[in-house]
Amino acid sequence: MDEVLRIQTVNSCHGRFKNWLKRFNGVASSYLPNYLGWRYALVSGCVATPQQSLRAALFLIVI
């Protein structure tokens, strides 16, 4: 069965994402997928600390 998304849930996620982006003083739309991926990694618990995120990014650059 497909997951049902209610408008309140979508609006809530959008609001949290917009608040998170405020600290960057705007984002170029060409980089938006990168910020979405970063936010997803933080929220989903894929990376627990900024240090882990940096290690993962550096590991991808080296490969």
C-alpha atoms as a PDB file:
ATOM      1  CA  MET A   1       0.000   0.000   0.000  1.00  0.00           C
ATOM      2  CA  ASP A   2       1.296   3.442  -0.887  1.00  0.00           C
ATOM      3  CA  GLU A   3       1.990   5.891   1.893  1.00  0.00           C
ATOM      4  CA  VAL A   4      -0.533   8.722   2.113  1.00  0.00           C
ATOM      5  CA  LEU A   5       0.897  12.208   2.586  1.00  0.00           C
ATOM      6  CA  ARG A   6      -1.399  14.744   4.128  1.00  0.00           C
ATOM      7  CA  ILE A   7      -1.092  18.428   3.261  1.00  0.00           C
ATOM      8  CA  GLN A   8      -0.249  19.277   6.894  1.00  0.00           C
ATOM      9  CA  THR A   9       2.703  16.887   6.780  1.00  0.00           C
ATOM     10  CA  VAL A  10       3.981  18.347   3.525  1.00  0.00           C
ATOM     11  CA  ASN A  11       3.589  21.912   4.827  1.00  0.00           C
ATOM     12  CA  SER A  12       5.378  20.993   8.056  1.00  0.00           C
ATOM     13  CA  CYS A  13       8.338  19.451   6.210  1.00  0.00           C
ATOM     14  CA  HIS A  14       8.515  22.428   3.881  1.00  0.00           C
ATOM     15  CA  GLY A  15       8.485  24.864   6.805  1.00  0.00           C
ATOM     16  CA  ARG A  16      11.270  23.030   8.640  1.00  0.00           C
ATOM     17  CA  PHE A  17      13.351  22.921   5.455  1.00  0.00           C
ATOM     18  CA  LYS A  18      12.854  26.664   4.833  1.00  0.00           C
ATOM     19  CA  ASN A  19      13.884  27.459   8.416  1.00  0.00           C
ATOM     20  CA  TRP A  20      16.977  25.286   8.036  1.00  0.00           C
ATOM     21  CA  LEU A  21      17.931  27.084   4.792  1.00  0.00           C
ATOM     22  CA  LYS A  22      17.674  30.571   6.349  1.00  0.00           C
ATOM     23  CA  ARG A  23      21.112  30.210   7.918  1.00  0.00           C
ATOM     24  CA  PHE A  24      22.662  30.025   4.442  1.00  0.00           C
ATOM     25  CA  ASN A  25      21.190  33.378   3.314  1.00  0.00           C
ATOM     26  CA  GLY A  26      19.615  31.893   0.233  1.00  0.00           C
ATOM     27  CA  VAL A  27      20.577  29.028  -2.005  1.00  0.00           C
ATOM     28  CA  ALA A  28      21.152  28.967  -5.743  1.00  0.00           C
ATOM     29  CA  SER A  29      18.541  26.741  -7.334  1.00  0.00           C
ATOM     30  CA  SER A  30      21.267  24.777  -9.123  1.00  0.00           C
ATOM     31  CA  TYR A  31      22.594  23.637  -5.711  1.00  0.00           C
ATOM     32  CA  LEU A  32      19.184  22.856  -4.202  1.00  0.00           C
ATOM     33  CA  PRO A  33      19.477  19.058  -4.729  1.00  0.00           C
ATOM     34  CA  ASN A  34      22.729  19.098  -2.734  1.00  0.00           C
ATOM     35  CA  TYR A  35      21.078  20.896   0.174  1.00  0.00           C
ATOM     36  CA  LEU A  36      18.100  18.522   0.024  1.00  0.00           C
ATOM     37  CA  GLY A  37      20.446  15.543   0.199  1.00  0.00           C
ATOM     38  CA  TRP A  38      22.358  17.055   3.084  1.00  0.00           C
ATOM     39  CA  ARG A  39      19.139  17.785   4.968  1.00  0.00           C
ATOM     40  CA  TYR A  40      17.850  14.266   4.305  1.00  0.00           C
ATOM     41  CA  ALA A  41      21.063  12.731   5.644  1.00  0.00           C
ATOM     42  CA  LEU A  42      20.821  14.801   8.826  1.00  0.00           C
ATOM     43  CA  VAL A  43      17.114  14.155   9.446  1.00  0.00           C
ATOM     44  CA  SER A  44      17.156  10.448   8.589  1.00  0.00           C
ATOM     45  CA  GLY A  45      20.063   9.795  10.926  1.00  0.00           C
ATOM     46  CA  CYS A  46      22.496   8.632   8.234  1.00  0.00           C
ATOM     47  CA  VAL A  47      25.093  10.906   9.794  1.00  0.00           C
ATOM     48  CA  ALA A  48      25.031  11.655  13.491  1.00  0.00           C
ATOM     49  CA  THR A  49      27.612  14.411  13.627  1.00  0.00           C
ATOM     50  CA  PRO A  50      29.066  17.034  11.303  1.00  0.00           C
ATOM     51  CA  GLN A  51      32.396  15.194  11.535  1.00  0.00           C
ATOM     52  CA  GLN A  52      30.804  12.032  10.103  1.00  0.00           C
ATOM     53  CA  SER A  53      29.280  14.067   7.305  1.00  0.00           C
ATOM     54  CA  LEU A  54      32.665  15.582   6.459  1.00  0.00           C
ATOM     55  CA  ARG A  55      34.363  12.176   6.504  1.00  0.00           C
ATOM     56  CA  ALA A  56      31.691  10.768   4.180  1.00  0.00           C
ATOM     57  CA  ALA A  57      32.071  13.693   1.784  1.00  0.00           C
ATOM     58  CA  LEU A  58      35.853  13.437   1.738  1.00  0.00           C
ATOM     59  CA  PHE A  59      35.636   9.691   1.206  1.00  0.00           C
ATOM     60  CA  LEU A  60      33.459  10.257  -1.864  1.00  0.00           C
ATOM     61  CA  ILE A  61      35.939  12.785  -3.277  1.00  0.00           C
ATOM     62  CA  VAL A  62      38.875  10.396  -2.857  1.00  0.00           C
ATOM     63  CA  ILE A  63      37.111   7.527  -4.643  1.00  0.00           C
END
